[in-house]
N, C-alpha and C. Protein backbone atom coordinates (compact mmCIF):
# COMPACT_ATOMS: atom_id res chain seq x y z
N TYR A 1 -19.53 56.34 57.37
CA TYR A 1 -20.72 55.57 57.67
C TYR A 1 -20.39 54.28 58.42
N GLN A 2 -19.25 53.69 58.04
CA GLN A 2 -18.85 52.46 58.71
C GLN A 2 -18.58 52.72 60.19
N GLN A 3 -17.90 53.82 60.45
CA GLN A 3 -17.59 54.17 61.83
C GLN A 3 -18.89 54.39 62.63
N LYS A 4 -19.83 55.11 62.05
CA LYS A 4 -21.11 55.36 62.72
C LYS A 4 -21.86 54.05 62.93
N CYS A 5 -21.80 53.18 61.95
CA CYS A 5 -22.45 51.87 62.04
C CYS A 5 -21.81 51.06 63.18
N ASP A 6 -20.48 51.09 63.26
CA ASP A 6 -19.76 50.38 64.33
C ASP A 6 -20.14 50.94 65.71
N GLU A 7 -20.24 52.26 65.81
CA GLU A 7 -20.62 52.90 67.07
C GLU A 7 -22.05 52.49 67.47
N LEU A 8 -22.93 52.46 66.48
CA LEU A 8 -24.31 52.05 66.77
C LEU A 8 -24.38 50.58 67.17
N ASP A 9 -23.55 49.75 66.57
CA ASP A 9 -23.50 48.34 66.96
C ASP A 9 -23.04 48.19 68.41
N VAL A 10 -22.04 48.98 68.80
CA VAL A 10 -21.54 48.95 70.17
C VAL A 10 -22.63 49.44 71.13
N GLN A 11 -23.31 50.53 70.75
CA GLN A 11 -24.39 51.04 71.59
C GLN A 11 -25.52 50.01 71.72
N GLU A 12 -25.81 49.34 70.62
CA GLU A 12 -26.87 48.33 70.64
C GLU A 12 -26.49 47.19 71.59
N LYS A 13 -25.26 46.75 71.52
CA LYS A 13 -24.80 45.68 72.42
C LYS A 13 -24.86 46.13 73.87
N ASP A 14 -24.46 47.37 74.13
CA ASP A 14 -24.53 47.92 75.49
C ASP A 14 -25.98 47.95 75.98
N LEU A 15 -26.87 48.42 75.10
CA LEU A 15 -28.27 48.51 75.48
C LEU A 15 -28.87 47.12 75.73
N HIS A 16 -28.52 46.15 74.89
CA HIS A 16 -29.00 44.77 75.09
C HIS A 16 -28.48 44.23 76.42
N SER A 17 -27.24 44.53 76.71
CA SER A 17 -26.65 44.09 77.97
C SER A 17 -27.39 44.71 79.16
N LYS A 18 -27.65 46.01 79.04
CA LYS A 18 -28.37 46.70 80.12
C LYS A 18 -29.79 46.15 80.26
N ILE A 19 -30.44 45.91 79.14
CA ILE A 19 -31.79 45.35 79.16
C ILE A 19 -31.78 43.98 79.83
N ASN A 20 -30.81 43.16 79.47
CA ASN A 20 -30.71 41.83 80.08
C ASN A 20 -30.47 41.93 81.59
N ASN A 21 -29.61 42.87 81.99
CA ASN A 21 -29.36 43.07 83.42
C ASN A 21 -30.62 43.52 84.15
N VAL A 22 -31.35 44.46 83.54
CA VAL A 22 -32.58 44.95 84.15
C VAL A 22 -33.61 43.83 84.25
N GLU A 23 -33.72 43.01 83.21
CA GLU A 23 -34.67 41.90 83.23
C GLU A 23 -34.28 40.88 84.31
N LYS A 24 -32.99 40.62 84.44
CA LYS A 24 -32.51 39.69 85.47
C LYS A 24 -32.81 40.26 86.86
N GLU A 25 -32.54 41.55 87.06
CA GLU A 25 -32.83 42.18 88.34
C GLU A 25 -34.32 42.15 88.63
N LYS A 26 -35.12 42.37 87.59
CA LYS A 26 -36.57 42.33 87.75
C LYS A 26 -37.02 40.93 88.18
N LYS A 27 -36.49 39.91 87.55
CA LYS A 27 -36.83 38.54 87.92
C LYS A 27 -36.40 38.24 89.35
N ASP A 28 -35.21 38.70 89.72
CA ASP A 28 -34.72 38.49 91.09
C ASP A 28 -35.62 39.19 92.10
N ILE A 29 -36.03 40.41 91.78
CA ILE A 29 -36.90 41.18 92.68
C ILE A 29 -38.26 40.49 92.81
N VAL A 30 -38.81 40.04 91.71
CA VAL A 30 -40.11 39.37 91.74
C VAL A 30 -40.00 38.08 92.56
N LEU A 31 -38.93 37.34 92.36
CA LEU A 31 -38.72 36.11 93.12
C LEU A 31 -38.60 36.41 94.61
N TYR A 32 -37.84 37.45 94.96
CA TYR A 32 -37.69 37.85 96.36
C TYR A 32 -39.04 38.25 96.95
N LEU A 33 -39.81 39.03 96.20
CA LEU A 33 -41.11 39.47 96.69
C LEU A 33 -42.08 38.29 96.86
N LYS A 34 -42.01 37.34 95.95
CA LYS A 34 -42.86 36.16 96.07
C LYS A 34 -42.49 35.35 97.32
N ARG A 35 -41.18 35.19 97.56
CA ARG A 35 -40.74 34.47 98.77
C ARG A 35 -41.17 35.21 100.02
N THR A 36 -41.00 36.54 100.01
CA THR A 36 -41.39 37.35 101.16
C THR A 36 -42.90 37.25 101.40
N LEU A 37 -43.66 37.30 100.33
CA LEU A 37 -45.11 37.17 100.44
C LEU A 37 -45.49 35.81 101.01
N ALA A 38 -44.85 34.74 100.54
CA ALA A 38 -45.14 33.40 101.05
C ALA A 38 -44.83 33.32 102.55
N LEU A 39 -43.72 33.92 102.95
CA LEU A 39 -43.37 33.92 104.39
C LEU A 39 -44.41 34.70 105.20
N LYS A 40 -44.84 35.84 104.68
CA LYS A 40 -45.83 36.64 105.37
C LYS A 40 -47.17 35.90 105.45
N GLU A 41 -47.53 35.20 104.39
CA GLU A 41 -48.76 34.42 104.40
C GLU A 41 -48.68 33.31 105.44
N ASP A 42 -47.52 32.62 105.52
CA ASP A 42 -47.33 31.59 106.54
C ASP A 42 -47.43 32.19 107.93
N GLU A 43 -46.82 33.35 108.11
CA GLU A 43 -46.87 34.04 109.41
C GLU A 43 -48.32 34.41 109.75
N LEU A 44 -49.04 34.88 108.76
CA LEU A 44 -50.44 35.25 108.97
C LEU A 44 -51.28 34.03 109.37
N ILE A 45 -51.04 32.92 108.72
CA ILE A 45 -51.76 31.68 109.05
C ILE A 45 -51.44 31.26 110.48
N ASP A 46 -50.16 31.32 110.84
CA ASP A 46 -49.75 30.97 112.21
C ASP A 46 -50.42 31.88 113.23
N LEU A 47 -50.42 33.17 112.95
CA LEU A 47 -51.04 34.12 113.88
C LEU A 47 -52.55 33.90 113.98
N ALA A 48 -53.18 33.58 112.87
CA ALA A 48 -54.62 33.31 112.89
C ALA A 48 -54.91 32.06 113.73
N GLU A 49 -54.07 31.04 113.60
CA GLU A 49 -54.24 29.83 114.40
C GLU A 49 -54.04 30.12 115.89
N LYS A 50 -53.02 30.93 116.21
CA LYS A 50 -52.78 31.30 117.60
C LYS A 50 -53.96 32.08 118.16
N LEU A 51 -54.47 33.01 117.37
CA LEU A 51 -55.62 33.80 117.79
C LEU A 51 -56.82 32.89 118.07
N SER A 52 -57.04 31.94 117.18
CA SER A 52 -58.15 31.02 117.36
C SER A 52 -57.99 30.20 118.63
N ARG A 53 -56.77 29.71 118.88
CA ARG A 53 -56.51 28.95 120.11
C ARG A 53 -56.73 29.81 121.35
N HIS A 54 -56.25 31.05 121.29
CA HIS A 54 -56.43 31.96 122.42
C HIS A 54 -57.91 32.27 122.66
N GLN A 55 -58.66 32.45 121.59
CA GLN A 55 -60.08 32.73 121.72
C GLN A 55 -60.81 31.53 122.32
N GLN A 56 -60.43 30.32 121.89
CA GLN A 56 -61.05 29.12 122.44
C GLN A 56 -60.71 28.98 123.93
N ALA A 57 -59.45 29.24 124.27
CA ALA A 57 -59.04 29.15 125.68
C ALA A 57 -59.78 30.20 126.50
N GLN A 58 -59.91 31.39 125.96
CA GLN A 58 -60.63 32.46 126.66
C GLN A 58 -62.09 32.09 126.85
N GLU A 59 -62.70 31.50 125.85
CA GLU A 59 -64.10 31.09 125.95
C GLU A 59 -64.26 30.01 127.01
N ALA A 60 -63.35 29.04 127.02
CA ALA A 60 -63.41 27.98 128.02
C ALA A 60 -63.22 28.55 129.43
N GLU A 61 -62.28 29.48 129.56
CA GLU A 61 -62.04 30.11 130.86
C GLU A 61 -63.27 30.92 131.30
N ARG A 62 -63.88 31.63 130.37
CA ARG A 62 -65.08 32.41 130.68
C ARG A 62 -66.20 31.49 131.15
N GLU A 63 -66.39 30.37 130.46
CA GLU A 63 -67.43 29.42 130.86
C GLU A 63 -67.14 28.86 132.25
N SER A 64 -65.88 28.57 132.52
CA SER A 64 -65.48 28.07 133.84
C SER A 64 -65.78 29.10 134.92
N PHE A 65 -65.46 30.36 134.66
CA PHE A 65 -65.72 31.42 135.63
C PHE A 65 -67.22 31.63 135.83
N GLU A 66 -67.98 31.53 134.75
CA GLU A 66 -69.43 31.66 134.87
C GLU A 66 -70.01 30.53 135.72
N LEU A 67 -69.49 29.32 135.54
CA LEU A 67 -69.94 28.19 136.34
C LEU A 67 -69.59 28.41 137.81
N GLN A 68 -68.36 28.86 138.07
CA GLN A 68 -67.96 29.14 139.45
C GLN A 68 -68.84 30.23 140.06
N LEU A 69 -69.12 31.25 139.28
CA LEU A 69 -69.97 32.33 139.77
C LEU A 69 -71.37 31.82 140.08
N SER A 70 -71.89 30.99 139.22
CA SER A 70 -73.21 30.41 139.44
C SER A 70 -73.23 29.58 140.72
N LEU A 71 -72.19 28.77 140.91
CA LEU A 71 -72.10 27.95 142.12
C LEU A 71 -72.00 28.82 143.37
N LEU A 72 -71.20 29.86 143.29
CA LEU A 72 -71.06 30.77 144.43
C LEU A 72 -72.37 31.49 144.74
N ARG A 73 -73.09 31.89 143.71
CA ARG A 73 -74.38 32.54 143.92
C ARG A 73 -75.38 31.57 144.58
N HIS A 74 -75.35 30.33 144.08
CA HIS A 74 -76.22 29.32 144.66
C HIS A 74 -75.87 29.09 146.13
N GLU A 75 -74.57 28.96 146.41
CA GLU A 75 -74.11 28.77 147.78
C GLU A 75 -74.49 29.98 148.65
N LEU A 76 -74.33 31.16 148.12
CA LEU A 76 -74.71 32.37 148.85
C LEU A 76 -76.20 32.38 149.16
N GLN A 77 -77.00 32.00 148.17
CA GLN A 77 -78.45 31.96 148.37
C GLN A 77 -78.81 30.94 149.44
N GLU A 78 -78.16 29.76 149.41
CA GLU A 78 -78.42 28.75 150.43
C GLU A 78 -78.05 29.26 151.81
N ASN A 79 -76.88 29.90 151.91
CA ASN A 79 -76.44 30.44 153.20
C ASN A 79 -77.39 31.53 153.68
N LYS A 80 -77.85 32.35 152.75
CA LYS A 80 -78.78 33.42 153.12
C LYS A 80 -80.06 32.83 153.67
N GLU A 81 -80.58 31.83 152.97
CA GLU A 81 -81.82 31.19 153.41
C GLU A 81 -81.61 30.50 154.76
N LYS A 82 -80.47 29.84 154.91
CA LYS A 82 -80.15 29.15 156.17
C LYS A 82 -80.09 30.15 157.32
N PHE A 83 -79.35 31.24 157.10
CA PHE A 83 -79.22 32.22 158.17
C PHE A 83 -80.53 32.95 158.44
N THR A 84 -81.32 33.15 157.40
CA THR A 84 -82.62 33.78 157.59
C THR A 84 -83.53 32.88 158.43
N SER A 85 -83.54 31.58 158.12
CA SER A 85 -84.37 30.66 158.89
C SER A 85 -83.86 30.53 160.33
N GLU A 86 -82.51 30.50 160.50
CA GLU A 86 -81.95 30.45 161.84
C GLU A 86 -82.30 31.72 162.62
N ASN A 87 -82.24 32.83 161.93
CA ASN A 87 -82.56 34.12 162.55
C ASN A 87 -84.02 34.15 162.98
N MET A 88 -84.90 33.61 162.15
CA MET A 88 -86.33 33.58 162.48
C MET A 88 -86.57 32.64 163.67
N ALA A 89 -85.79 31.55 163.71
CA ALA A 89 -85.96 30.60 164.81
C ALA A 89 -85.52 31.22 166.12
N LEU A 90 -84.54 32.12 166.06
CA LEU A 90 -84.08 32.76 167.28
C LEU A 90 -85.09 33.81 167.69
């Protein structure tokens, strides 16, 4: 019985050691995943900010092009009217 008791004590120590190793690995994995998640969240925030800046720039560029188009249409209309009146005068 003593021998069996000694064997069980050794097995218990081995199992406790394995449990401690698994718990340590689990903590390390959780810590790694938390750090990775924080990095991904930072990356996501950066990308969202870049997207917002690009959208604002695109909107400003679109407004600029619309203004240019409006001016060109107005100029075209003036030229058309000018040439039409000149044509009628001839």
